[in-house]
Amino acid sequence: MNLRPTLNDFRLIGWGIGRVVLSVGLIMAVPLATALICGEWNVCTDFLIGISACLIFWLGTEITCRVTLDLRVSHGLVVVSAGWLFAMVFGAIPHYLSGHFSSFLDACFDVMSGFTTTGLFLLQDLDHVSNGLNMWRHVLTYAGGQGIIVVALTFLFVRTSGALSIYLGEGKEEKLLPNVVNTARAIWMISLTYLVIGSVFLFVALKTCGMTPGRSFLHSIWLFMGSWSTGGFAPQSLNLLYYHSFTIELITMAIFVIGSLNFALHYSVWTGKHSEIWKNIEIRSFAVTALVVTFFVSLGFSKLGVYTTINEFFRKGFYIMISGHTTTGNATVYSSSLVNEFGVLALWAIVFAMAIGASAASTGGGFKNLRVGILIKSLWLDIRKMASPDSAVLSEKVHHLNDLWIDDPLARSAALIILCYIAIYFMGGLLGVAYGFSPSVAFFDSVSTGSNTGLSAGLVSPVMPVLLKVYYTLSMWVGRLEFISIFALIGMGASIVRGRKVGGS
């Protein structure tokens, strides 16, 4: 039987959560500055209230929860899972105060969607929100793409062993540098470098479309943040359709494909290991599944006689497929078009792409290409063993920065996480069907939330049932953290109720 958590355990966890909430307050300075520059005084007040709430909570944890002990792995996992929920609640304060949400639950849904880089939203009248709020929406998804914990690690955690425990809890496995705090800073350096480059390209494209310099500047930053973080947020309700620009579609596609790659792969390429691009199992897995899904999407379109020209297919079908496969959620078609024009075959092909998702330790969600590659290699190894003499010694490996030899624990771990994703996809789909939505719509939106994609077939809206809002919010949270830290939080809850007291019988 597990031991019941002690007061010091709760203090350590509370201290860590306080640091996470403080990081949310710190990044609120960006939309606050935007509102100040734009003269949006009511919006400034909203963010000052949000920042104040974060600071008060952090000060409370610093006073009541400070201990000399360091975080262990069990503590770190709980800090991550619970910290994301606290970050959602505090991050929703400016959202709710804006007046664009019918309930605080809707505001929490949007914040969780941003932090998990999902991109679905319940915000009402998006086309007329303030610049400050729009900046907050995109900063949420940009920070969430790197990871809330990475934000906190960059400045607020200095004890290496404790920092490592919470870094691993956010679903990241590779360290770019020996020190995990330096790894967090390296991730930010990569993202900020791309932010400058990508925003310049988008700014030029938007200016060419006729936007004023001020709007071009803001929209270029927002579009980059939504694409790079594979979050799919856009400043207008029509998403990419608003711009009617093939150039912007090409630029955003390049950004979210690059953004969906593992940060460790980025770092390897940056440090001269260019061969990793074609040797990496994730790149190969992505290429194969993308080709397979493209074939079925094109087959579905040909049967229905839609999007038959190369230009139409690339801008509508292929763009949506890549947006779904990288779990981005940027859209070049209306939600209704996915159901009414794509047809069953193309629609379910995109569901398959969303379910698989992007790379491990990236901004993307889903099963991850690495796990798919490991599972396929493991199955191939089993087939070879069955076809070989008992005395044969066989092995298989995948290349992911280093050679990984396939063994039973590695294969079981990959299979377990994939089964967990399938479970949340399936339960969400059944819940949607229970509320009267068609299976195609219900499962499309369920997979989109669980894989943190953000495309919608029309189910997600401010008027959907409350239970679906709650389930989708939890599904985004669980899917982004890849279950392990969630299991740790559940295990801690069970230990509180049923655990044996320290020193007890």
Protein backbone atom coordinates (compact mmCIF):
# COMPACT_ATOMS: atom_id res chain seq x y z
CA MET A 1 0.00 0.00 0.00
CA ASN A 2 1.24 3.50 -0.84
CA LEU A 3 2.11 5.99 1.87
CA ARG A 4 -0.28 8.84 2.52
CA PRO A 5 1.21 12.21 1.44
CA THR A 6 2.65 14.28 4.29
CA LEU A 7 2.28 18.00 4.93
CA ASN A 8 5.71 18.55 3.39
CA ASP A 9 4.55 16.78 0.23
CA PHE A 10 1.63 19.16 -0.09
CA ARG A 11 3.89 22.14 0.60
CA LEU A 12 6.32 21.10 -2.13
CA ILE A 13 3.49 20.66 -4.62
CA GLY A 14 1.86 23.94 -3.59
CA TRP A 15 5.19 25.76 -3.96
CA GLY A 16 5.64 24.33 -7.47
CA ILE A 17 2.07 25.22 -8.52
CA GLY A 18 2.64 28.75 -7.21
CA ARG A 19 5.62 29.10 -9.54
CA VAL A 20 3.53 27.87 -12.48
CA VAL A 21 0.77 30.40 -11.72
CA LEU A 22 3.40 33.15 -11.40
CA SER A 23 4.61 32.30 -14.91
CA VAL A 24 1.04 32.81 -16.18
CA GLY A 25 1.00 36.24 -14.53
CA LEU A 26 4.36 37.11 -16.11
CA ILE A 27 3.25 36.33 -19.66
CA MET A 28 0.11 38.44 -19.11
CA ALA A 29 2.50 41.41 -19.32
CA VAL A 30 2.59 40.96 -23.12
CA PRO A 31 -1.15 41.51 -23.76
CA LEU A 32 -1.14 44.23 -21.07
CA ALA A 33 1.56 46.11 -22.98
CA THR A 34 -0.40 45.61 -26.22
CA ALA A 35 -3.53 47.06 -24.64
CA LEU A 36 -1.58 50.03 -23.26
CA ILE A 37 -0.06 50.83 -26.67
CA CYS A 38 -3.46 50.53 -28.35
CA GLY A 39 -5.19 52.65 -25.69
CA GLU A 40 -7.57 49.85 -24.62
CA TRP A 41 -8.01 50.96 -21.02
CA ASN A 42 -10.75 48.53 -20.01
CA VAL A 43 -8.63 45.68 -21.32
CA CYS A 44 -5.69 46.97 -19.30
CA THR A 45 -7.84 46.74 -16.19
CA ASP A 46 -8.78 43.13 -17.04
CA PHE A 47 -5.14 42.09 -17.29
CA LEU A 48 -4.09 44.03 -14.21
CA ILE A 49 -6.73 42.09 -12.27
CA GLY A 50 -5.47 38.82 -13.76
CA ILE A 51 -1.83 39.63 -12.96
CA SER A 52 -2.75 40.69 -9.43
CA ALA A 53 -4.62 37.42 -8.84
CA CYS A 54 -1.58 35.42 -10.02
CA LEU A 55 0.80 37.43 -7.82
CA ILE A 56 -1.41 37.08 -4.73
CA PHE A 57 -1.68 33.32 -5.22
CA TRP A 58 2.09 33.01 -5.75
CA LEU A 59 2.89 35.08 -2.66
CA GLY A 60 0.50 32.92 -0.65
CA THR A 61 2.30 29.75 -1.74
CA GLU A 62 5.73 31.30 -1.11
CA ILE A 63 4.72 32.13 2.46
CA THR A 64 2.84 28.96 3.35
CA CYS A 65 4.55 26.29 1.23
CA ARG A 66 8.29 27.02 1.29
CA VAL A 67 10.36 24.04 2.40
CA THR A 68 14.03 23.16 2.10
CA LEU A 69 13.36 19.83 0.38
CA ASP A 70 13.63 19.39 -3.38
CA LEU A 71 10.94 18.13 -5.73
CA ARG A 72 11.00 14.41 -6.43
CA VAL A 73 9.66 12.90 -9.62
CA SER A 74 6.30 12.10 -7.97
CA HIS A 75 5.98 15.71 -6.83
CA GLY A 76 6.98 17.02 -10.24
CA LEU A 77 4.33 14.99 -12.04
CA VAL A 78 1.60 16.30 -9.74
CA VAL A 79 2.88 19.88 -10.07
CA VAL A 80 2.56 19.55 -13.85
CA SER A 81 -0.93 18.02 -13.96
CA ALA A 82 -2.43 20.21 -11.22
CA GLY A 83 -0.42 23.25 -12.32
CA TRP A 84 -2.04 23.18 -15.75
CA LEU A 85 -5.49 23.29 -14.14
CA PHE A 86 -4.52 26.24 -11.92
CA ALA A 87 -2.97 27.97 -14.94
CA MET A 88 -6.24 27.51 -16.82
CA VAL A 89 -8.32 29.06 -14.03
CA PHE A 90 -6.06 32.09 -13.54
CA GLY A 91 -5.52 32.53 -17.28
CA ALA A 92 -9.29 32.62 -17.78
CA ILE A 93 -9.74 35.74 -15.62
CA PRO A 94 -9.01 38.31 -18.40
CA HIS A 95 -10.98 36.16 -20.83
CA TYR A 96 -14.11 36.20 -18.69
CA LEU A 97 -13.79 39.90 -17.81
CA SER A 98 -13.72 40.77 -21.52
CA GLY A 99 -17.46 40.08 -21.82
CA HIS A 100 -17.01 37.76 -24.80
CA PHE A 101 -17.97 34.59 -22.90
CA SER A 102 -21.35 33.43 -21.63
CA SER A 103 -19.79 31.63 -18.64
CA PHE A 104 -16.50 31.17 -16.80
CA LEU A 105 -16.51 27.55 -18.03
CA ASP A 106 -16.41 28.82 -21.62
CA ALA A 107 -13.47 31.06 -20.73
CA CYS A 108 -11.67 28.10 -19.13
CA PHE A 109 -12.34 26.01 -22.25
CA ASP A 110 -10.66 28.62 -24.45
CA VAL A 111 -7.66 29.00 -22.14
CA MET A 112 -7.13 25.24 -21.97
CA SER A 113 -7.51 25.14 -25.76
CA GLY A 114 -4.80 27.80 -26.01
CA PHE A 115 -2.37 26.29 -23.51
CA THR A 116 -2.74 22.82 -25.07
CA THR A 117 -2.32 24.28 -28.60
CA THR A 118 -5.72 22.92 -29.62
CA GLY A 119 -7.23 26.03 -31.18
CA LEU A 120 -10.96 25.43 -30.68
CA PHE A 121 -12.79 28.35 -29.11
CA LEU A 122 -16.12 29.33 -27.54
CA LEU A 123 -15.35 33.06 -27.58
CA GLN A 124 -18.20 35.06 -29.08
CA ASP A 125 -17.78 37.82 -31.69
CA LEU A 126 -14.12 37.08 -32.35
CA ASP A 127 -14.00 39.57 -35.23
CA HIS A 128 -14.49 42.47 -32.80
CA VAL A 129 -12.31 41.53 -29.81
CA SER A 130 -9.66 43.94 -28.57
CA ASN A 131 -6.04 43.76 -29.68
CA GLY A 132 -5.04 43.03 -26.09
CA LEU A 133 -7.34 40.01 -25.83
CA ASN A 134 -6.31 38.73 -29.26
CA MET A 135 -2.68 39.02 -28.20
CA TRP A 136 -3.47 37.04 -25.03
CA ARG A 137 -5.15 34.27 -27.04
CA HIS A 138 -2.08 33.85 -29.22
CA VAL A 139 0.46 34.25 -26.42
CA LEU A 140 -1.42 31.45 -24.63
CA THR A 141 -0.97 29.07 -27.52
CA TYR A 142 2.62 30.19 -28.17
CA ALA A 143 3.62 29.68 -24.54
CA GLY A 144 1.62 26.45 -24.40
CA GLY A 145 3.47 25.14 -27.43
CA GLN A 146 6.77 25.41 -25.60
CA GLY A 147 5.01 24.21 -22.44
CA ILE A 148 3.82 26.12 -19.38
CA ILE A 149 6.43 24.24 -17.39
CA VAL A 150 9.13 25.29 -19.87
CA VAL A 151 8.03 28.90 -19.30
CA ALA A 152 8.37 28.43 -15.54
CA LEU A 153 11.66 26.54 -15.85
CA THR A 154 13.21 29.34 -17.89
CA PHE A 155 13.12 31.79 -15.00
CA LEU A 156 11.50 30.36 -11.88
CA PHE A 157 13.06 26.96 -11.12
CA VAL A 158 16.77 26.73 -10.45
CA ARG A 159 17.17 23.45 -8.55
CA THR A 160 18.19 21.00 -11.25
CA SER A 161 16.80 17.74 -9.87
CA GLY A 162 13.44 19.29 -9.10
CA ALA A 163 13.40 21.03 -12.46
CA LEU A 164 14.01 17.75 -14.27
CA SER A 165 11.08 16.07 -12.52
CA ILE A 166 8.57 18.63 -13.76
CA TYR A 167 10.15 18.86 -17.22
CA LEU A 168 9.59 15.13 -17.73
CA GLY A 169 6.04 15.42 -16.41
CA GLU A 170 4.98 17.69 -19.29
CA GLY A 171 5.48 14.95 -21.85
CA LYS A 172 9.01 15.93 -22.86
CA GLU A 173 11.63 13.21 -22.82
CA GLU A 174 14.71 14.65 -24.52
CA LYS A 175 17.06 17.18 -22.99
CA LEU A 176 18.82 19.40 -25.53
CA LEU A 177 21.54 20.24 -23.00
CA PRO A 178 22.73 18.44 -19.84
CA ASN A 179 21.06 21.04 -17.60
CA VAL A 180 17.26 21.01 -17.91
CA VAL A 181 16.94 24.75 -17.17
CA ASN A 182 19.36 25.47 -20.03
CA THR A 183 17.30 23.09 -22.16
CA ALA A 184 14.19 25.18 -21.46
CA ARG A 185 16.07 28.33 -22.46
CA ALA A 186 17.33 26.65 -25.64
CA ILE A 187 13.74 25.77 -26.57
CA TRP A 188 12.79 29.43 -26.18
CA MET A 189 15.78 30.52 -28.26
CA ILE A 190 14.67 28.23 -31.08
CA SER A 191 11.07 29.46 -30.91
CA LEU A 192 11.94 33.15 -30.70
CA THR A 193 14.34 32.89 -33.64
CA TYR A 194 11.63 31.35 -35.78
CA LEU A 195 9.17 33.98 -34.48
CA VAL A 196 11.27 36.78 -35.94
CA ILE A 197 11.87 35.04 -39.27
CA GLY A 198 8.31 33.76 -39.75
CA SER A 199 6.67 37.05 -38.74
CA VAL A 200 8.77 38.97 -41.28
CA PHE A 201 7.59 36.70 -44.12
CA LEU A 202 3.97 36.98 -42.97
CA PHE A 203 4.24 40.77 -42.55
CA VAL A 204 5.38 41.16 -46.17
CA ALA A 205 2.59 38.87 -47.40
CA LEU A 206 -0.07 40.74 -45.41
CA LYS A 207 1.19 44.12 -46.61
CA THR A 208 1.02 42.82 -50.16
CA CYS A 209 -2.62 41.91 -49.52
CA GLY A 210 -3.34 45.54 -48.67
CA MET A 211 -3.32 45.55 -44.86
CA THR A 212 -2.11 48.64 -43.03
CA PRO A 213 1.36 48.36 -41.42
CA GLY A 214 -0.08 48.25 -37.88
CA ARG A 215 -2.57 45.48 -38.62
CA SER A 216 0.00 43.61 -40.70
CA PHE A 217 2.42 43.68 -37.77
CA LEU A 218 -0.10 42.32 -35.27
CA HIS A 219 -1.61 39.73 -37.62
CA SER A 220 1.83 38.48 -38.68
CA ILE A 221 2.78 37.82 -35.05
CA TRP A 222 -0.57 36.22 -34.25
CA LEU A 223 -0.58 34.00 -37.35
CA PHE A 224 2.96 32.88 -36.63
CA MET A 225 2.18 32.05 -32.99
CA GLY A 226 -0.90 30.06 -33.96
CA SER A 227 0.95 28.16 -36.71
CA TRP A 228 4.29 27.57 -34.98
CA SER A 229 2.65 26.26 -31.82
CA THR A 230 0.41 24.05 -34.00
CA GLY A 231 -2.43 25.75 -32.15
CA GLY A 232 -4.48 26.97 -35.09
CA PHE A 233 -5.72 30.17 -33.43
CA ALA A 234 -6.25 33.05 -35.84
CA PRO A 235 -7.37 36.64 -35.16
CA GLN A 236 -10.52 36.32 -37.30
CA SER A 237 -13.41 33.88 -37.06
CA LEU A 238 -12.87 32.67 -40.65
CA ASN A 239 -9.33 31.61 -39.79
CA LEU A 240 -7.15 31.45 -42.96
CA LEU A 241 -10.21 31.98 -45.19
CA TYR A 242 -10.25 35.61 -44.03
CA TYR A 243 -7.08 36.42 -45.98
CA HIS A 244 -7.86 34.75 -49.35
CA SER A 245 -4.13 34.46 -49.93
CA PHE A 246 -2.30 31.46 -51.36
CA THR A 247 1.00 32.99 -50.22
CA ILE A 248 -0.13 33.19 -46.57
CA GLU A 249 -1.39 29.62 -46.76
CA LEU A 250 2.01 28.44 -48.03
CA ILE A 251 3.90 30.35 -45.35
CA THR A 252 1.69 29.10 -42.51
CA MET A 253 1.94 25.52 -43.80
CA ALA A 254 5.73 25.73 -43.77
CA ILE A 255 5.64 27.19 -40.24
CA PHE A 256 3.38 24.54 -38.72
CA VAL A 257 5.18 21.65 -40.38
CA ILE A 258 8.49 22.91 -38.96
CA GLY A 259 6.79 23.65 -35.62
CA SER A 260 5.47 20.09 -35.40
CA LEU A 261 9.00 18.67 -35.31
CA ASN A 262 10.73 17.57 -32.13
CA PHE A 263 12.67 20.39 -30.42
CA ALA A 264 15.60 18.00 -30.01
CA LEU A 265 15.58 17.46 -33.79
CA HIS A 266 15.64 21.24 -34.29
CA TYR A 267 18.60 21.51 -31.96
CA SER A 268 20.45 18.68 -33.72
CA VAL A 269 20.00 20.35 -37.10
CA TRP A 270 21.03 23.73 -35.66
CA THR A 271 24.23 22.18 -34.33
CA GLY A 272 25.17 20.70 -37.71
CA LYS A 273 23.63 17.19 -37.62
CA HIS A 274 21.64 17.66 -40.84
CA SER A 275 21.46 13.92 -41.54
CA GLU A 276 18.94 13.62 -38.69
CA ILE A 277 16.30 15.09 -41.01
CA TRP A 278 16.06 11.97 -43.20
CA LYS A 279 17.31 9.38 -40.71
CA ASN A 280 14.79 10.19 -37.96
CA ILE A 281 11.96 7.65 -37.53
CA GLU A 282 9.45 10.44 -36.86
CA ILE A 283 10.15 12.14 -40.20
CA ARG A 284 9.85 8.83 -42.03
CA SER A 285 6.67 7.87 -40.19
CA PHE A 286 5.12 11.27 -40.90
CA ALA A 287 6.00 11.06 -44.60
CA VAL A 288 4.43 7.60 -44.97
CA THR A 289 1.21 8.38 -43.11
CA ALA A 290 0.87 11.73 -44.89
CA LEU A 291 1.12 9.98 -48.27
CA VAL A 292 -1.45 7.35 -47.23
CA VAL A 293 -3.91 9.95 -45.94
CA THR A 294 -3.42 12.13 -49.04
CA PHE A 295 -4.30 9.14 -51.22
CA PHE A 296 -7.57 8.50 -49.37
CA VAL A 297 -8.49 12.19 -49.28
CA SER A 298 -7.94 12.46 -53.05
CA LEU A 299 -9.90 9.22 -53.58
CA GLY A 300 -12.78 10.60 -51.53
CA PHE A 301 -12.78 13.84 -53.50
CA SER A 302 -12.69 12.02 -56.84
CA LYS A 303 -15.75 9.96 -55.91
CA LEU A 304 -17.69 13.12 -55.04
CA GLY A 305 -16.26 15.28 -57.84
CA VAL A 306 -15.13 18.08 -55.49
CA TYR A 307 -11.85 20.04 -55.38
CA THR A 308 -10.80 18.44 -58.67
CA THR A 309 -8.18 20.97 -59.80
CA ILE A 310 -4.62 20.92 -58.44
CA ASN A 311 -5.07 24.39 -56.93
CA GLU A 312 -8.33 23.48 -55.18
CA PHE A 313 -6.99 20.17 -53.91
CA PHE A 314 -3.80 21.71 -52.53
CA ARG A 315 -5.48 24.71 -50.85
CA LYS A 316 -8.46 22.80 -49.45
CA GLY A 317 -7.77 19.08 -49.16
CA PHE A 318 -3.98 18.87 -48.76
CA TYR A 319 -3.79 21.95 -46.52
CA ILE A 320 -6.46 20.58 -44.17
CA MET A 321 -4.81 17.16 -44.17
CA ILE A 322 -1.38 18.58 -43.21
CA SER A 323 -3.02 20.95 -40.71
CA GLY A 324 -4.72 17.95 -39.12
CA HIS A 325 -1.68 15.66 -39.22
CA THR A 326 0.50 18.27 -37.50
CA THR A 327 -2.43 18.90 -35.08
CA THR A 328 -2.44 22.58 -36.04
CA GLY A 329 -6.07 23.31 -36.84
CA ASN A 330 -5.60 26.20 -39.28
CA ALA A 331 -8.46 25.93 -41.75
CA THR A 332 -9.06 27.02 -45.34
CA VAL A 333 -12.65 25.73 -45.46
CA TYR A 334 -15.77 26.26 -43.35
CA SER A 335 -16.56 23.70 -40.64
CA SER A 336 -19.72 22.76 -42.52
CA SER A 337 -17.65 22.00 -45.63
CA LEU A 338 -15.85 19.19 -43.81
CA VAL A 339 -19.16 17.37 -43.47
CA ASN A 340 -21.06 18.53 -46.54
CA GLU A 341 -18.27 18.58 -49.15
CA PHE A 342 -15.42 16.32 -48.01
CA GLY A 343 -17.53 13.19 -47.73
CA VAL A 344 -17.12 10.22 -45.40
CA LEU A 345 -13.87 8.81 -46.83
CA ALA A 346 -11.89 12.08 -46.83
CA LEU A 347 -13.33 13.11 -43.47
CA TRP A 348 -12.29 9.88 -41.73
CA ALA A 349 -8.89 9.97 -43.42
CA ILE A 350 -8.31 13.33 -41.73
CA VAL A 351 -9.58 11.88 -38.43
CA PHE A 352 -6.87 9.22 -38.82
CA ALA A 353 -4.22 11.89 -39.46
CA MET A 354 -5.33 13.90 -36.41
CA ALA A 355 -5.29 10.82 -34.21
CA ILE A 356 -1.65 10.09 -35.10
CA GLY A 357 -0.56 13.71 -34.77
CA ALA A 358 2.94 15.13 -34.82
CA SER A 359 6.33 14.52 -33.22
CA ALA A 360 7.17 13.66 -29.61
CA ALA A 361 8.45 16.55 -27.46
CA SER A 362 7.08 19.07 -29.97
CA THR A 363 4.19 21.51 -29.94
CA GLY A 364 1.89 18.89 -31.50
CA GLY A 365 -0.44 16.30 -30.00
CA GLY A 366 -1.83 12.86 -30.85
CA PHE A 367 -0.21 9.40 -30.67
CA LYS A 368 3.06 10.87 -32.02
CA ASN A 369 4.97 9.57 -35.03
CA LEU A 370 7.67 8.11 -32.80
CA ARG A 371 5.23 5.76 -31.05
CA VAL A 372 3.69 4.72 -34.37
CA GLY A 373 7.15 3.96 -35.74
CA ILE A 374 8.10 1.95 -32.64
CA LEU A 375 4.86 -0.04 -32.77
CA ILE A 376 5.23 -0.86 -36.47
CA LYS A 377 8.87 -1.90 -35.99
CA SER A 378 7.85 -4.04 -33.00
CA LEU A 379 5.14 -5.79 -35.03
CA TRP A 380 7.60 -6.40 -37.85
CA LEU A 381 10.07 -7.88 -35.36
CA ASP A 382 7.38 -10.24 -34.03
CA ILE A 383 6.51 -11.34 -37.59
CA ARG A 384 10.18 -12.02 -38.32
CA LYS A 385 10.51 -14.05 -35.11
CA MET A 386 7.49 -16.19 -35.99
CA ALA A 387 8.94 -16.90 -39.44
CA SER A 388 12.44 -17.70 -38.14
CA PRO A 389 13.91 -20.76 -36.37
CA ASP A 390 13.80 -20.73 -32.57
CA SER A 391 17.57 -20.43 -32.43
CA ALA A 392 17.63 -17.21 -34.47
CA VAL A 393 18.55 -14.01 -32.63
CA LEU A 394 16.71 -11.11 -34.23
CA SER A 395 16.57 -7.41 -33.43
CA GLU A 396 15.11 -4.18 -34.76
CA LYS A 397 15.98 -0.56 -34.08
CA VAL A 398 14.59 2.88 -34.86
CA HIS A 399 16.65 6.03 -35.21
CA HIS A 400 15.47 8.96 -33.13
CA LEU A 401 18.51 11.20 -32.54
CA ASN A 402 20.19 7.95 -31.43
CA ASP A 403 19.54 4.33 -32.27
CA LEU A 404 16.80 2.83 -30.08
CA TRP A 405 16.68 -0.96 -29.95
CA ILE A 406 13.16 -2.33 -29.86
CA ASP A 407 12.41 -4.36 -26.73
CA ASP A 408 9.22 -5.38 -24.94
CA PRO A 409 9.15 -2.50 -22.39
CA LEU A 410 9.58 0.11 -25.15
CA ALA A 411 6.88 -1.45 -27.32
CA ARG A 412 4.49 -1.85 -24.36
CA SER A 413 4.98 1.77 -23.34
CA ALA A 414 4.19 3.01 -26.86
CA ALA A 415 1.16 0.72 -27.12
CA LEU A 416 -0.19 1.79 -23.71
CA ILE A 417 -0.15 5.50 -24.56
CA ILE A 418 -1.74 4.86 -27.96
CA LEU A 419 -4.51 2.82 -26.28
CA CYS A 420 -5.09 5.66 -23.80
CA TYR A 421 -5.53 8.12 -26.65
CA ILE A 422 -7.92 5.77 -28.43
CA ALA A 423 -9.93 5.54 -25.19
CA ILE A 424 -10.41 9.31 -24.83
CA TYR A 425 -11.21 9.63 -28.56
CA PHE A 426 -13.79 6.86 -28.30
CA MET A 427 -15.46 8.11 -25.11
CA GLY A 428 -15.74 11.64 -26.49
CA GLY A 429 -17.20 10.33 -29.72
CA LEU A 430 -19.81 8.24 -27.88
CA LEU A 431 -20.73 11.25 -25.75
CA GLY A 432 -21.26 13.34 -28.87
CA VAL A 433 -23.42 10.62 -30.43
CA ALA A 434 -25.43 10.40 -27.19
CA TYR A 435 -26.27 14.09 -27.57
CA GLY A 436 -27.64 13.47 -31.07
CA PHE A 437 -24.69 14.38 -33.30
CA SER A 438 -23.82 12.15 -36.24
CA PRO A 439 -20.95 9.69 -35.65
CA SER A 440 -18.75 11.44 -38.22
CA VAL A 441 -19.16 14.84 -36.54
CA ALA A 442 -18.95 13.48 -32.99
CA PHE A 443 -15.78 11.43 -33.54
CA PHE A 444 -14.14 14.11 -35.69
CA ASP A 445 -14.44 16.72 -32.95
CA SER A 446 -13.57 14.24 -30.20
CA VAL A 447 -10.33 13.23 -31.92
CA SER A 448 -9.62 16.90 -32.64
CA THR A 449 -9.84 17.82 -28.95
CA GLY A 450 -8.00 14.76 -27.63
CA SER A 451 -5.17 15.16 -30.14
CA ASN A 452 -5.03 18.95 -29.55
CA THR A 453 -5.74 19.68 -33.22
CA GLY A 454 -8.52 22.28 -33.32
CA LEU A 455 -10.34 21.50 -36.55
CA SER A 456 -14.09 21.16 -36.07
CA ALA A 457 -16.87 19.57 -38.07
CA GLY A 458 -19.36 21.89 -36.38
CA LEU A 459 -19.98 20.32 -32.97
CA VAL A 460 -17.87 22.68 -30.85
CA SER A 461 -19.76 25.93 -30.26
CA PRO A 462 -20.87 28.14 -27.34
CA VAL A 463 -24.26 26.39 -27.31
CA MET A 464 -23.02 22.79 -27.07
CA PRO A 465 -24.02 20.88 -23.91
CA VAL A 466 -22.17 21.70 -20.69
CA LEU A 467 -21.04 18.10 -20.20
CA LEU A 468 -19.36 18.15 -23.62
CA LYS A 469 -17.58 21.41 -22.72
CA VAL A 470 -16.27 19.82 -19.52
CA TYR A 471 -15.26 16.58 -21.23
CA TYR A 472 -13.49 18.34 -24.10
CA THR A 473 -11.63 20.59 -21.66
CA LEU A 474 -10.41 17.55 -19.73
CA SER A 475 -9.65 15.70 -22.97
CA MET A 476 -7.42 18.54 -24.18
CA TRP A 477 -5.63 18.59 -20.82
CA VAL A 478 -5.11 14.82 -20.68
CA GLY A 479 -4.05 14.59 -24.33
CA ARG A 480 -1.50 17.40 -24.03
CA LEU A 481 0.17 15.91 -20.94
CA GLU A 482 0.18 12.38 -22.42
CA PHE A 483 -1.40 10.70 -19.38
CA ILE A 484 1.60 9.96 -17.16
CA SER A 485 1.35 13.06 -14.96
CA ILE A 486 -2.45 12.63 -14.92
CA PHE A 487 -2.00 9.10 -13.59
CA ALA A 488 0.32 10.52 -10.91
CA LEU A 489 -2.34 13.04 -9.86
CA ILE A 490 -4.99 10.31 -9.68
CA GLY A 491 -2.57 8.12 -7.73
CA MET A 492 -1.95 10.90 -5.24
CA GLY A 493 -5.69 11.32 -4.76
CA ALA A 494 -6.01 7.61 -4.10
CA SER A 495 -3.12 7.75 -1.61
CA ILE A 496 -4.83 10.57 0.29
CA VAL A 497 -7.93 8.44 0.70
CA ARG A 498 -6.46 4.97 1.11
CA GLY A 499 -2.75 5.42 1.75
CA ARG A 500 -1.01 4.28 4.91
CA LYS A 501 0.18 7.02 7.27
CA VAL A 502 3.92 7.48 7.57
CA GLY A 503 5.00 5.47 10.59
CA GLY A 504 1.58 3.83 10.82
CA SER A 505 0.59 0.22 10.44
